[in-house]
């Protein structure tokens, strides 16, 4: 029961952090707020996915803000697709593709809807950088509060906020990973980089 309340508090704090990010008009300042807040959560929060022995000294590596990695783009129609991701802890997690975003000079990414209780927009990313978690990163996961704002006509997709999912830090966590429509051939040198914790 304690773990449930800790995870609840983690999600509240993540949602609060992203609310602060959305309220800040300067994206570079917002990025510093996010990087500092996320580092504190990963290091200090009881529900952090960072293993106990690594927590006290853990500092995520975040690339300095790159304005060209921020996009405000329409979500274009895409062929409907359903992905059902089996997990060891959450059963089958269903996603419906609701569109696609074109990121000039980078590529395009599918936009997914978590088609279960709570719902939410989900935009994962896998790129060719050897400095990120091999399973990919998340840019948006609104069911968990990671929401940069916008609408379907002008969605904020800022790759400077790409972050490692919980499973990058510990096998205790199970994460839906990017499929082919969320895999880029190029390296995206922006956002949070992978820091081994073992």
Foldseek 3Di string as FASTA:
>chain_A
DVLVVLLVVLLVLLLVLLVVLLVDPDNQVSLVSNQVSVLCCCQPRPNHLADDVQRPPDHWDFDRADVLQKFWAAFAADDWDKDWCADPPPGTWIKIFGGKTARPPWGIATWIWRPDPQIFIWTWAAEDDPFAQNQTWTQAGPSSNNANDDDNGTGIRGQLATDHDSVLNPVVDDDDGDDPRRYTHHDDRHHTTRDHND
